[in-house]
């Protein structure tokens, strides 16, 4: 429903339950009066259209999504939950810091956990509409779109609806009434112009310009609400340094880190104000404030479950979407929303050895969603949002050697066959394709069977089969030699499937899902063998250890878990990332795990 003129309007998708249709239709009409172009299925679908296809396209084409929530909608089973899944998938593709998804409460109700990372608006309150319009104005401004001015918009000093509520980026609303005196030193600071990062029950927030005397650093592992974690001089924020596990550089006056509080604690202590050492009981921090006050270092052990990774690679400027360990064990590849593939030294750390990006691209970076190594460790293949898969030379660097074009939508997954002659790709166009890895050209085989995006593909160890995971909640197994229909389809997941992997002996398949579980399946039958439960949020990647005894998974709960492959028991939990974990990979010898995260880092962990 476009205007007669050519002026670009803000496109807003209204995601809702059928029971809230009347309230959402009123919102639809109200937004139209503001010169906004809302999309509502009842108003914009044409008879005869494939409504699921059109809804998916509308989500992809919009500028912002309002997820309308009520007491009934948050518990309703049906397409609305799948629609929210489409929205979350698209939200993960947006640039860091942009406002794309706004949970909108039509009445007082709980926020579903998978939407809780975004600040919501209480539309039913007196100023709810004004708060909503302020967020829409902000989004429009970032896109170069002019909206009608809205009166009585709240001050910009308040939090914007739709802003991501990151674990390290939540702004404190007021100073704590009282501040406990738990600290590693007796030194206090009276600098009321500095900013502080405060430990809380959940996120770590920022507070500033509060005229209080505060302890410098709390006891590790015993922060309570109101305890300051680290004092920061905003004018002297450390610069970003590739290969160094530290925080990205930011404008003076606002210092926000994407590293975990454990990593931040260890590094700020070790690099900025003292030293960090490793002892038999784990990490110990010795703190000395750089002032004339007398201090006494006091060692405090940190649990190994709050461990600092062996290496933290920093070089990407946006979310890391995929990681892969080279078969020869020497390097790690990572893909990112920043439009690059980077190669890292797996043995010594440091900055990226190579950074690959399509030299023909201009303007906004096109996200790269997946990366995989060739069996000889000389090449990697990547798949991205531009619908193209590319092969890169990891020995000499340079531009892409081969490109594969044939998918009608984004390439969301890639995998190299064990014999090195074929490449499989999954796509948002709901298909799996197989390509000639040497000569390129058109797809050799195209598999149809999924009803939604395919974010995961994996070859069986012998190369005779391909497993694929889809947002349609299924895992399917295909004949990689003869093609045809899926030989086996697994239906037990209750939400989108994000990752699949074969066991080294080819007898089992593991899958990771938005239903917060990892499942292990019999590769020849349709039954679930084991269900792994423990993650508190969506599980994205999954990887099988080379010896077949363990499985690693990464989650939106910011952790990497290692499971016993035989009984599903949790063996290790790594808590170093500050955001969702999108990729995990084992080293070929099974002694280390690499993980990639929305916090822009790649981390390497020792398996203990």
Protein backbone atom coordinates (compact mmCIF):
# COMPACT_ATOMS: atom_id res chain seq x y z
CA UNK A 1 0.00 0.00 0.00
CA UNK A 2 2.31 2.68 -1.28
CA UNK A 3 1.69 6.42 -1.59
CA UNK A 4 1.09 7.97 -4.95
CA UNK A 5 4.36 9.85 -4.60
CA UNK A 6 7.80 8.28 -4.73
CA UNK A 7 8.82 9.23 -1.20
CA UNK A 8 10.16 6.25 0.74
CA UNK A 9 8.05 5.30 3.76
CA UNK A 10 9.03 3.32 6.84
CA UNK A 11 7.87 -0.30 6.42
CA UNK A 12 6.55 -1.81 9.67
CA UNK A 13 5.51 -5.47 9.96
CA UNK A 14 2.84 -6.23 12.58
CA UNK A 15 3.37 -9.70 14.06
CA UNK A 16 0.39 -10.77 16.15
CA UNK A 17 -1.95 -13.51 17.26
CA UNK A 18 -5.38 -13.82 15.65
CA UNK A 19 -7.00 -13.14 19.02
CA UNK A 20 -5.49 -9.64 19.06
CA UNK A 21 -6.63 -8.76 15.54
CA UNK A 22 -8.92 -5.88 16.56
CA UNK A 23 -6.30 -4.06 18.66
CA UNK A 24 -3.62 -4.59 16.00
CA UNK A 25 -5.89 -3.31 13.23
CA UNK A 26 -6.39 -0.09 15.22
CA UNK A 27 -2.60 0.23 15.53
CA UNK A 28 -2.31 -0.40 11.77
CA UNK A 29 -4.63 2.53 11.00
CA UNK A 30 -2.92 4.76 13.52
CA UNK A 31 0.48 4.14 11.96
CA UNK A 32 -0.91 4.93 8.51
CA UNK A 33 -1.88 8.41 9.72
CA UNK A 34 1.79 8.97 10.65
CA UNK A 35 2.89 8.39 7.04
CA UNK A 36 4.16 4.90 7.91
CA UNK A 37 3.62 1.84 5.70
CA UNK A 38 2.45 -0.94 8.06
CA UNK A 39 1.94 -4.53 6.89
CA UNK A 40 -0.92 -6.59 8.31
CA UNK A 41 -1.94 -9.93 6.83
CA UNK A 42 -5.66 -9.19 6.93
CA UNK A 43 -5.16 -5.89 5.12
CA UNK A 44 -2.31 -6.65 2.71
CA UNK A 45 -2.67 -10.27 1.62
CA UNK A 46 -4.42 -10.79 -1.72
CA UNK A 47 -6.79 -13.76 -2.20
CA UNK A 48 -4.95 -16.66 -3.84
CA UNK A 49 -1.50 -15.74 -2.50
CA UNK A 50 0.64 -18.27 -0.61
CA UNK A 51 0.18 -16.56 2.75
CA UNK A 52 3.16 -18.18 4.48
CA UNK A 53 5.46 -17.21 1.62
CA UNK A 54 4.13 -13.65 1.56
CA UNK A 55 4.47 -13.26 5.32
CA UNK A 56 8.08 -14.44 5.17
CA UNK A 57 8.81 -11.96 2.37
CA UNK A 58 7.09 -9.15 4.26
CA UNK A 59 9.28 -9.81 7.31
CA UNK A 60 12.38 -9.81 5.13
CA UNK A 61 11.43 -6.59 3.32
CA UNK A 62 10.33 -4.54 6.34
CA UNK A 63 12.38 -1.94 8.20
CA UNK A 64 11.10 -2.81 11.65
CA UNK A 65 8.86 -5.43 13.27
CA UNK A 66 6.37 -4.91 16.09
CA UNK A 67 5.70 -8.19 17.90
CA UNK A 68 2.32 -7.57 19.53
CA UNK A 69 1.92 -9.48 22.79
CA UNK A 70 -0.98 -10.25 25.11
CA UNK A 71 -1.70 -12.77 27.86
CA UNK A 72 -3.28 -15.13 25.35
CA UNK A 73 -0.74 -14.76 22.54
CA UNK A 74 2.33 -15.67 24.60
CA UNK A 75 0.90 -19.12 25.36
CA UNK A 76 -0.83 -19.77 22.06
CA UNK A 77 0.38 -22.64 19.90
CA UNK A 78 0.25 -22.06 16.16
CA UNK A 79 1.64 -20.11 13.25
CA UNK A 80 2.24 -17.00 15.36
CA UNK A 81 5.15 -18.84 17.02
CA UNK A 82 6.61 -19.75 13.63
CA UNK A 83 6.12 -16.14 12.52
CA UNK A 84 8.10 -14.96 15.55
CA UNK A 85 10.79 -17.44 14.50
CA UNK A 86 10.96 -15.76 11.08
CA UNK A 87 11.30 -12.40 12.83
CA UNK A 88 14.10 -13.62 15.10
CA UNK A 89 15.97 -15.09 12.15
CA UNK A 90 15.78 -11.75 10.33
CA UNK A 91 16.67 -9.79 13.48
CA UNK A 92 19.91 -11.76 13.75
CA UNK A 93 20.88 -10.46 10.31
CA UNK A 94 20.58 -6.80 11.24
CA UNK A 95 23.62 -4.60 11.89
CA UNK A 96 24.77 -4.39 15.48
CA UNK A 97 22.94 -1.74 17.48
CA UNK A 98 20.08 -1.22 15.04
CA UNK A 99 16.46 -1.21 16.18
CA UNK A 100 14.60 -3.83 14.17
CA UNK A 101 12.41 -5.77 16.62
CA UNK A 102 10.16 -4.18 19.24
CA UNK A 103 8.09 -6.33 21.61
CA UNK A 104 4.85 -4.37 22.03
CA UNK A 105 2.65 -5.18 25.02
CA UNK A 106 -1.04 -4.74 24.25
CA UNK A 107 -1.72 -5.42 27.93
CA UNK A 108 0.35 -6.28 30.97
CA UNK A 109 1.87 -9.70 30.26
CA UNK A 110 5.13 -11.60 30.45
CA UNK A 111 7.73 -11.28 27.69
CA UNK A 112 8.66 -14.62 26.08
CA UNK A 113 12.24 -15.50 26.90
CA UNK A 114 13.34 -15.47 23.28
CA UNK A 115 12.21 -11.83 23.00
CA UNK A 116 13.58 -10.65 26.34
CA UNK A 117 16.85 -9.28 24.93
CA UNK A 118 14.94 -6.37 23.35
CA UNK A 119 13.52 -3.48 25.36
CA UNK A 120 9.72 -3.51 25.04
CA UNK A 121 7.06 -0.82 24.98
CA UNK A 122 3.86 -0.88 27.05
CA UNK A 123 1.51 0.27 24.33
CA UNK A 124 -1.49 0.23 26.67
CA UNK A 125 -0.02 2.89 28.97
CA UNK A 126 -0.72 6.60 28.58
CA UNK A 127 2.60 7.41 26.89
CA UNK A 128 3.00 4.02 25.22
CA UNK A 129 2.28 5.26 21.71
CA UNK A 130 4.70 8.17 22.11
CA UNK A 131 7.44 5.78 23.25
CA UNK A 132 6.75 3.60 20.22
CA UNK A 133 6.89 6.54 17.84
CA UNK A 134 10.18 7.69 19.30
CA UNK A 135 11.70 4.31 18.42
CA UNK A 136 10.18 4.43 14.93
CA UNK A 137 11.51 7.95 14.46
CA UNK A 138 14.97 6.73 15.45
CA UNK A 139 14.82 3.81 13.03
CA UNK A 140 13.56 6.04 10.22
CA UNK A 141 16.35 8.53 10.83
CA UNK A 142 19.02 5.82 10.52
CA UNK A 143 17.50 4.83 7.15
CA UNK A 144 17.25 8.39 5.86
CA UNK A 145 13.44 8.39 6.05
CA UNK A 146 11.48 11.42 7.26
CA UNK A 147 8.45 10.85 9.48
CA UNK A 148 5.88 13.37 10.62
CA UNK A 149 6.87 15.04 13.90
CA UNK A 150 5.08 13.58 16.89
CA UNK A 151 4.22 15.75 19.86
CA UNK A 152 4.89 14.80 23.47
CA UNK A 153 7.64 12.34 22.64
CA UNK A 154 9.57 11.45 25.79
CA UNK A 155 13.11 12.70 26.27
CA UNK A 156 15.85 10.91 24.38
CA UNK A 157 17.57 10.27 27.67
CA UNK A 158 15.23 7.34 28.29
CA UNK A 159 15.77 3.89 26.77
CA UNK A 160 14.49 3.27 23.27
CA UNK A 161 12.02 0.41 22.75
CA UNK A 162 13.65 -2.24 20.60
CA UNK A 163 17.16 -1.51 21.80
CA UNK A 164 19.01 -4.76 22.51
CA UNK A 165 19.27 -5.41 26.22
CA UNK A 166 22.79 -6.85 26.18
CA UNK A 167 24.34 -8.57 29.17
CA UNK A 168 26.91 -5.77 29.34
CA UNK A 169 24.97 -2.85 27.91
CA UNK A 170 22.00 -2.19 30.21
CA UNK A 171 21.99 1.34 31.55
CA UNK A 172 21.22 1.72 35.25
CA UNK A 173 18.16 3.82 35.94
CA UNK A 174 19.38 5.15 39.30
CA UNK A 175 22.28 4.66 41.72
CA UNK A 176 21.90 1.98 44.36
CA UNK A 177 20.56 3.17 47.70
CA UNK A 178 23.50 1.61 49.49
CA UNK A 179 26.72 0.06 48.31
CA UNK A 180 28.22 -2.95 50.10
CA UNK A 181 31.89 -2.68 50.87
CA UNK A 182 32.95 -6.02 49.33
CA UNK A 183 36.15 -5.39 47.44
CA UNK A 184 39.52 -6.86 46.68
CA UNK A 185 41.20 -3.77 48.06
CA UNK A 186 40.45 -1.24 50.75
CA UNK A 187 41.02 1.55 48.26
CA UNK A 188 38.02 3.70 47.32
CA UNK A 189 37.53 6.31 44.66
CA UNK A 190 35.93 9.73 45.03
CA UNK A 191 35.99 10.56 41.31
CA UNK A 192 32.36 11.47 40.58
CA UNK A 193 33.05 12.11 36.88
CA UNK A 194 34.06 8.57 36.03
CA UNK A 195 31.79 5.83 34.74
CA UNK A 196 31.41 2.51 36.46
CA UNK A 197 30.31 -0.95 35.40
CA UNK A 198 28.18 -2.39 38.18
CA UNK A 199 27.69 -6.04 39.06
CA UNK A 200 24.00 -6.98 39.23
CA UNK A 201 21.89 -10.07 39.60
CA UNK A 202 21.70 -10.29 35.81
CA UNK A 203 23.16 -7.76 33.35
CA UNK A 204 25.99 -5.39 34.15
CA UNK A 205 24.87 -1.80 33.76
CA UNK A 206 26.42 1.62 33.56
CA UNK A 207 25.90 4.47 35.99
CA UNK A 208 27.67 7.76 36.09
CA UNK A 209 28.07 11.08 37.89
CA UNK A 210 26.79 9.74 41.20
CA UNK A 211 28.40 11.52 44.12
CA UNK A 212 29.21 8.43 46.15
CA UNK A 213 32.27 6.73 47.52
CA UNK A 214 32.48 3.27 45.97
CA UNK A 215 34.80 0.28 46.30
CA UNK A 216 37.09 -0.29 43.34
CA UNK A 217 36.43 -4.00 42.64
CA UNK A 218 34.15 -6.62 44.20
CA UNK A 219 35.16 -10.06 45.36
CA UNK A 220 35.16 -12.34 42.31
CA UNK A 221 32.21 -14.67 42.22
CA UNK A 222 30.30 -12.84 44.97
CA UNK A 223 29.01 -9.68 43.31
CA UNK A 224 25.71 -8.52 44.68
CA UNK A 225 23.36 -5.96 43.23
CA UNK A 226 24.95 -2.53 43.44
CA UNK A 227 28.55 -3.71 43.65
CA UNK A 228 30.78 -1.81 41.19
CA UNK A 229 32.71 -4.22 38.98
CA UNK A 230 35.32 -1.93 37.44
CA UNK A 231 36.00 1.78 37.47
CA UNK A 232 36.55 3.13 33.97
CA UNK A 233 37.99 6.41 32.79
CA UNK A 234 35.87 7.04 29.65
CA UNK A 235 38.47 9.28 28.10
CA UNK A 236 41.09 6.56 28.21
CA UNK A 237 39.23 3.54 26.92
CA UNK A 238 41.69 0.96 25.56
CA UNK A 239 41.99 0.67 21.81
CA UNK A 240 40.92 -2.44 19.90
CA UNK A 241 43.87 -4.66 19.07
CA UNK A 242 43.45 -7.71 16.80
CA UNK A 243 44.56 -10.89 18.53
CA UNK A 244 44.40 -9.35 22.02
CA UNK A 245 41.53 -10.42 24.24
CA UNK A 246 40.39 -6.92 25.19
CA UNK A 247 37.45 -4.66 24.51
CA UNK A 248 36.69 -2.85 21.24
CA UNK A 249 37.44 0.86 21.03
CA UNK A 250 34.45 3.16 21.42
CA UNK A 251 33.81 6.91 21.38
CA UNK A 252 35.06 8.79 24.48
CA UNK A 253 32.44 9.08 27.15
CA UNK A 254 30.85 5.70 26.51
CA UNK A 255 32.76 2.50 27.12
CA UNK A 256 30.88 -0.74 26.51
CA UNK A 257 32.51 -4.13 26.40
CA UNK A 258 31.26 -7.26 24.66
CA UNK A 259 33.49 -9.54 26.71
CA UNK A 260 32.16 -11.51 29.65
CA UNK A 261 32.51 -10.19 33.15
CA UNK A 262 35.04 -12.95 33.87
CA UNK A 263 37.18 -12.03 30.85
CA UNK A 264 36.77 -8.33 31.61
CA UNK A 265 37.75 -8.90 35.23
CA UNK A 266 40.86 -10.88 34.40
CA UNK A 267 42.05 -8.61 31.62
CA UNK A 268 41.38 -5.28 33.28
CA UNK A 269 43.12 -6.58 36.36
CA UNK A 270 45.98 -8.13 34.41
CA UNK A 271 46.50 -5.45 31.78
CA UNK A 272 45.21 -2.24 33.30
CA UNK A 273 45.74 -2.23 37.04
CA UNK A 274 47.85 -5.17 38.15
CA UNK A 275 48.59 -8.74 37.24
CA UNK A 276 46.61 -11.92 36.72
CA UNK A 277 48.25 -15.26 37.42
CA UNK A 278 47.19 -18.88 37.16
CA UNK A 279 47.58 -21.19 40.11
CA UNK A 280 46.70 -24.75 40.91
CA UNK A 281 43.22 -23.75 42.04
CA UNK A 282 42.38 -21.66 39.00
CA UNK A 283 42.69 -17.97 38.25
CA UNK A 284 43.73 -15.56 40.99
CA UNK A 285 43.46 -11.80 40.62
CA UNK A 286 45.84 -9.40 42.36
CA UNK A 287 44.58 -5.84 42.19
CA UNK A 288 46.47 -2.61 42.73
CA UNK A 289 44.78 0.71 42.08
CA UNK A 290 46.98 3.26 40.34
CA UNK A 291 46.73 5.95 43.03
CA UNK A 292 48.63 7.16 46.03
CA UNK A 293 46.40 5.15 48.39
CA UNK A 294 47.96 2.17 50.15
CA UNK A 295 46.61 -1.19 48.90
CA UNK A 296 47.12 -4.82 49.82
CA UNK A 297 46.71 -7.40 47.02
CA UNK A 298 44.37 -10.23 48.07
CA UNK A 299 44.15 -13.38 45.89
CA UNK A 300 40.65 -14.64 45.11
CA UNK A 301 40.05 -17.89 43.22
CA UNK A 302 37.61 -17.90 40.29
CA UNK A 303 35.71 -21.09 39.50
CA UNK A 304 36.96 -23.02 36.48
CA UNK A 305 33.41 -22.83 35.12
CA UNK A 306 34.00 -19.12 34.86
CA UNK A 307 37.25 -19.78 33.03
CA UNK A 308 39.11 -17.49 30.69
CA UNK A 309 39.71 -19.06 27.25
CA UNK A 310 43.15 -20.07 26.05
CA UNK A 311 42.90 -17.59 23.16
CA UNK A 312 40.43 -14.84 22.31
CA UNK A 313 40.66 -13.62 18.73
CA UNK A 314 39.43 -10.11 18.02
CA UNK A 315 39.25 -8.82 14.47
CA UNK A 316 35.65 -9.00 13.34
CA UNK A 317 33.52 -5.87 13.62
CA UNK A 318 30.18 -7.71 13.87
CA UNK A 319 28.74 -11.03 15.05
CA UNK A 320 30.74 -14.17 14.34
CA UNK A 321 28.30 -16.53 12.63
CA UNK A 322 30.37 -19.69 12.08
CA UNK A 323 33.73 -21.24 13.00
CA UNK A 324 35.65 -24.20 11.55
CA UNK A 325 38.96 -25.86 12.53
CA UNK A 326 41.27 -26.90 9.71
CA UNK A 327 41.77 -30.68 9.35
CA UNK A 328 45.54 -30.26 9.84
CA UNK A 329 44.87 -28.49 13.16
CA UNK A 330 46.91 -25.38 12.40
CA UNK A 331 44.23 -22.75 11.72
CA UNK A 332 40.70 -21.66 12.52
CA UNK A 333 38.32 -20.03 10.04
CA UNK A 334 35.51 -17.70 11.09
CA UNK A 335 32.65 -16.06 9.19
CA UNK A 336 30.93 -12.89 10.26
CA UNK A 337 28.06 -10.50 9.67
CA UNK A 338 30.74 -7.91 8.86
CA UNK A 339 31.04 -9.54 5.41
CA UNK A 340 34.41 -11.21 5.97
CA UNK A 341 35.97 -14.63 6.44
CA UNK A 342 39.07 -14.60 8.64
CA UNK A 343 41.80 -17.21 9.16
CA UNK A 344 43.56 -17.45 12.55
CA UNK A 345 46.65 -19.22 13.86
CA UNK A 346 45.24 -21.95 16.12
CA UNK A 347 48.53 -22.54 17.90
CA UNK A 348 49.87 -19.12 18.84
CA UNK A 349 46.87 -16.79 18.70
CA UNK A 350 47.42 -13.29 17.34
CA UNK A 351 45.64 -11.36 14.62
CA UNK A 352 44.06 -12.81 11.49
CA UNK A 353 46.42 -14.42 8.96
CA UNK A 354 44.03 -13.68 6.08
CA UNK A 355 40.84 -11.68 5.74
CA UNK A 356 38.63 -12.47 2.76
CA UNK A 357 35.85 -10.34 1.36
CA UNK A 358 34.39 -10.01 -2.11
CA UNK A 359 36.32 -7.16 -3.72
CA UNK A 360 33.35 -6.30 -5.93
CA UNK A 361 31.20 -5.39 -2.95
CA UNK A 362 30.59 -1.76 -2.20
CA UNK A 363 28.68 -0.04 0.57
CA UNK A 364 27.10 -2.11 3.33
CA UNK A 365 28.81 -5.41 4.10
CA UNK A 366 26.89 -8.53 3.12
CA UNK A 367 26.82 -11.02 6.03
CA UNK A 368 28.64 -14.35 5.66
CA UNK A 369 26.65 -17.08 7.41
CA UNK A 370 28.80 -20.21 7.17
CA UNK A 371 32.35 -21.42 6.55
CA UNK A 372 33.91 -24.89 6.06
CA UNK A 373 37.39 -26.28 5.29
CA UNK A 374 38.48 -28.52 2.44
CA UNK A 375 39.89 -31.88 3.57
CA UNK A 376 43.42 -30.84 2.54
CA UNK A 377 43.24 -27.61 4.62
CA UNK A 378 44.17 -25.49 1.58
CA UNK A 379 40.80 -23.87 0.97
CA UNK A 380 37.65 -22.74 2.74
CA UNK A 381 34.17 -22.33 1.32
CA UNK A 382 31.79 -19.65 2.58
CA UNK A 383 28.11 -18.90 2.05
CA UNK A 384 26.46 -15.53 2.50
CA UNK A 385 23.46 -13.27 2.29
CA UNK A 386 24.21 -12.41 -1.36
CA UNK A 387 23.07 -15.96 -2.36
CA UNK A 388 26.61 -16.97 -3.39
CA UNK A 389 29.03 -19.61 -2.09
CA UNK A 390 32.74 -18.88 -2.58
CA UNK A 391 35.98 -20.86 -2.34
CA UNK A 392 39.05 -19.07 -0.93
CA UNK A 393 42.77 -19.96 -1.03
CA UNK A 394 44.04 -20.23 2.57
CA UNK A 395 47.68 -20.66 1.53
CA UNK A 396 48.18 -17.54 -0.59
CA UNK A 397 45.10 -15.45 0.16
CA UNK A 398 43.57 -13.27 -2.55
CA UNK A 399 40.17 -13.17 -4.19
CA UNK A 400 37.68 -16.00 -4.44
CA UNK A 401 38.85 -18.85 -6.67
CA UNK A 402 35.40 -20.26 -7.48
CA UNK A 403 31.87 -18.94 -7.00
CA UNK A 404 28.65 -20.96 -6.91
CA UNK A 405 25.44 -19.21 -7.89
CA UNK A 406 22.12 -20.97 -8.08
CA UNK A 407 20.24 -20.45 -4.85
CA UNK A 408 17.24 -18.13 -4.96
CA UNK A 409 17.91 -16.82 -1.45
CA UNK A 410 20.71 -16.48 1.08
CA UNK A 411 23.24 -19.30 1.42
CA UNK A 412 22.92 -20.16 5.11
CA UNK A 413 25.10 -23.30 5.36
CA UNK A 414 28.07 -24.90 3.57
CA UNK A 415 29.94 -28.20 4.00
CA UNK A 416 32.82 -29.83 2.09
CA UNK A 417 32.56 -33.55 1.22
CA UNK A 418 35.12 -35.88 2.85
CA UNK A 419 36.71 -36.68 -0.55
CA UNK A 420 37.08 -32.97 -1.34
CA UNK A 421 35.32 -33.05 -4.72
CA UNK A 422 31.86 -31.75 -3.75
CA UNK A 423 30.36 -28.95 -1.69
CA UNK A 424 26.88 -28.97 -0.16
CA UNK A 425 24.96 -25.79 0.61
CA UNK A 426 21.74 -24.98 2.43
CA UNK A 427 19.69 -21.90 1.76
CA UNK A 428 16.84 -19.69 2.90
CA UNK A 429 15.18 -20.79 -0.38
CA UNK A 430 14.41 -24.09 1.47
CA UNK A 431 16.74 -26.23 -0.70
CA UNK A 432 19.99 -28.14 -0.38
CA UNK A 433 22.34 -28.09 -3.38
CA UNK A 434 25.51 -30.00 -4.28
CA UNK A 435 28.30 -28.43 -6.35
CA UNK A 436 31.48 -29.50 -8.12
CA UNK A 437 34.18 -28.24 -5.74
CA UNK A 438 36.87 -28.14 -8.43
CA UNK A 439 35.23 -26.63 -11.49
CA UNK A 440 32.23 -24.75 -10.13
CA UNK A 441 29.38 -24.35 -12.58
CA UNK A 442 25.72 -25.12 -11.93
CA UNK A 443 24.49 -27.23 -9.05
CA UNK A 444 24.80 -30.96 -9.70
CA UNK A 445 21.83 -31.83 -7.49
CA UNK A 446 19.08 -29.82 -5.83
CA UNK A 447 17.12 -31.39 -2.96
CA UNK A 448 13.57 -30.21 -2.27
CA UNK A 449 11.71 -31.24 0.85
CA UNK A 450 12.07 -28.62 3.55
CA UNK A 451 9.39 -25.99 4.10
CA UNK A 452 11.61 -23.30 5.60
CA UNK A 453 15.19 -22.02 5.59
CA UNK A 454 18.01 -24.61 5.86
CA UNK A 455 20.69 -23.25 8.25
CA UNK A 456 22.63 -26.52 8.61
CA UNK A 457 24.10 -29.19 6.31
CA UNK A 458 26.60 -31.99 7.04
CA UNK A 459 28.18 -34.82 5.03
CA UNK A 460 28.27 -38.35 6.42
CA UNK A 461 31.84 -39.60 7.08
CA UNK A 462 31.80 -41.73 3.95
CA UNK A 463 30.25 -39.01 1.78
CA UNK A 464 27.25 -41.11 0.75
CA UNK A 465 24.64 -39.02 2.58
CA UNK A 466 23.89 -35.42 3.53
CA UNK A 467 21.97 -34.38 6.63
CA UNK A 468 20.17 -31.03 6.71
CA UNK A 469 18.48 -29.10 9.51
CA UNK A 470 15.71 -26.61 8.87
CA UNK A 471 13.62 -23.98 10.54
CA UNK A 472 10.66 -26.21 9.68
CA UNK A 473 11.75 -28.19 12.81
CA UNK A 474 12.97 -31.24 10.91
CA UNK A 475 16.25 -33.01 10.16
CA UNK A 476 16.37 -34.79 6.80
CA UNK A 477 18.85 -37.28 5.34
CA UNK A 478 19.52 -37.32 1.58
CA UNK A 479 21.22 -39.74 -0.79
CA UNK A 480 24.30 -37.80 -1.94
CA UNK A 481 24.92 -40.16 -4.86
CA UNK A 482 21.53 -40.62 -6.52
CA UNK A 483 19.62 -37.59 -5.26
CA UNK A 484 15.85 -37.88 -4.95
CA UNK A 485 13.60 -37.41 -1.95
CA UNK A 486 14.73 -37.43 1.67
CA UNK A 487 15.42 -40.99 2.85
CA UNK A 488 14.71 -40.20 6.51
CA UNK A 489 12.96 -37.25 8.18
CA UNK A 490 13.19 -36.64 11.93
CA UNK A 491 10.27 -34.67 13.40
CA UNK A 492 10.74 -34.63 17.18
CA UNK A 493 12.15 -31.11 17.60
CA UNK A 494 9.51 -28.58 18.65
CA UNK A 495 11.28 -25.54 17.20
CA UNK A 496 13.70 -24.59 14.43
CA UNK A 497 16.77 -26.80 13.87
CA UNK A 498 19.98 -24.74 13.69
CA UNK A 499 22.77 -27.32 13.56
CA UNK A 500 23.44 -30.91 12.45
CA UNK A 501 26.52 -33.15 12.63
CA UNK A 502 27.30 -36.85 12.04
CA UNK A 503 29.10 -39.02 14.54
CA UNK A 504 32.60 -40.01 13.34
CA UNK A 505 31.43 -43.59 12.69
CA UNK A 506 28.36 -42.42 10.74
CA UNK A 507 25.86 -44.29 12.91
CA UNK A 508 24.26 -41.27 14.59
CA UNK A 509 23.28 -37.67 13.87
CA UNK A 510 23.17 -34.85 16.43
CA UNK A 511 20.99 -31.77 15.97
CA UNK A 512 20.65 -28.46 17.84
CA UNK A 513 17.41 -26.55 18.08
CA UNK A 514 15.58 -23.45 19.24
CA UNK A 515 13.71 -25.79 21.63
CA UNK A 516 16.86 -25.52 23.83
CA UNK A 517 17.87 -29.15 23.27
CA UNK A 518 20.43 -31.25 21.46
CA UNK A 519 19.07 -34.54 20.13
CA UNK A 520 20.97 -37.60 18.96
CA UNK A 521 19.26 -39.74 16.32
CA UNK A 522 19.82 -43.18 14.87
CA UNK A 523 21.13 -42.43 11.36
CA UNK A 524 19.12 -45.23 9.75
CA UNK A 525 15.88 -45.06 11.76
CA UNK A 526 13.46 -42.33 12.79
CA UNK A 527 13.83 -42.49 16.54
CA UNK A 528 15.58 -40.23 19.03
CA UNK A 529 18.32 -41.97 21.00
CA UNK A 530 19.15 -39.24 23.54
CA UNK A 531 17.85 -35.77 24.36
CA UNK A 532 20.39 -33.41 25.94
CA UNK A 533 18.79 -30.78 28.19
CA UNK A 534 20.69 -28.10 30.07
CA UNK A 535 20.94 -25.00 27.90
CA UNK A 536 18.71 -22.16 29.07
CA UNK A 537 18.05 -20.80 25.57
CA UNK A 538 18.21 -21.65 21.87
CA UNK A 539 21.00 -24.02 20.84
CA UNK A 540 22.68 -22.94 17.61
CA UNK A 541 25.77 -25.02 16.67
CA UNK A 542 26.65 -28.59 17.48
CA UNK A 543 29.90 -30.51 16.88
CA UNK A 544 30.98 -34.11 17.54
CA UNK A 545 34.42 -34.81 19.02
CA UNK A 546 36.83 -36.65 16.69
CA UNK A 547 36.89 -39.73 18.95
CA UNK A 548 33.07 -39.85 19.08
CA UNK A 549 32.78 -39.73 22.88
CA UNK A 550 31.70 -36.11 23.35
CA UNK A 551 29.44 -33.48 21.76
CA UNK A 552 29.89 -29.70 22.00
CA UNK A 553 27.07 -27.19 21.61
CA UNK A 554 26.71 -23.41 21.76
CA UNK A 555 23.68 -21.45 22.87
CA UNK A 556 21.93 -18.13 23.16
CA UNK A 557 22.55 -18.54 26.91
CA UNK A 558 26.15 -17.46 26.10
CA UNK A 559 27.68 -20.81 27.02
CA UNK A 560 29.45 -23.70 25.33
CA UNK A 561 28.61 -27.11 26.77
CA UNK A 562 30.43 -30.41 26.36
CA UNK A 563 28.23 -33.48 26.73
CA UNK A 564 28.92 -37.18 27.16
CA UNK A 565 27.78 -38.60 23.82
CA UNK A 566 26.65 -41.87 25.35
CA UNK A 567 24.40 -40.70 28.19
CA UNK A 568 23.80 -36.96 27.64
CA UNK A 569 25.45 -35.81 30.88
CA UNK A 570 27.02 -32.35 30.90
CA UNK A 571 30.79 -32.62 31.34
CA UNK A 572 32.00 -29.01 30.98
CA UNK A 573 30.39 -25.57 30.74
CA UNK A 574 32.42 -22.68 29.28
CA UNK A 575 31.16 -19.22 30.18
CA UNK A 576 33.45 -16.79 28.42
CA UNK A 577 31.21 -15.19 25.79
CA UNK A 578 29.07 -12.14 26.47
CA UNK A 579 26.46 -12.92 23.81
CA UNK A 580 24.89 -15.78 21.82
CA UNK A 581 27.26 -18.51 20.67
CA UNK A 582 26.79 -19.11 16.93
CA UNK A 583 29.60 -21.54 16.14
CA UNK A 584 31.59 -24.37 17.72
CA UNK A 585 34.33 -26.60 16.29
CA UNK A 586 36.65 -29.28 17.70
CA UNK A 587 40.36 -29.38 17.04
CA UNK A 588 41.30 -32.52 15.06
CA UNK A 589 43.04 -34.03 18.09
CA UNK A 590 39.99 -33.39 20.29
CA UNK A 591 41.88 -31.38 22.93
CA UNK A 592 40.41 -27.94 22.20
CA UNK A 593 37.15 -26.29 21.12
CA UNK A 594 36.74 -23.05 19.16
CA UNK A 595 33.61 -20.95 19.58
CA UNK A 596 32.30 -17.86 17.81
CA UNK A 597 29.79 -15.40 19.19
CA UNK A 598 27.60 -12.38 18.61
CA UNK A 599 30.10 -10.59 20.89
CA UNK A 600 32.37 -10.48 17.74
CA UNK A 601 35.05 -12.77 19.22
CA UNK A 602 36.38 -16.24 18.51
CA UNK A 603 37.54 -18.10 21.61
CA UNK A 604 39.57 -21.28 22.04
CA UNK A 605 39.05 -23.53 25.05
CA UNK A 606 41.09 -26.41 26.40
CA UNK A 607 39.00 -29.53 26.96
CA UNK A 608 39.71 -30.69 30.51
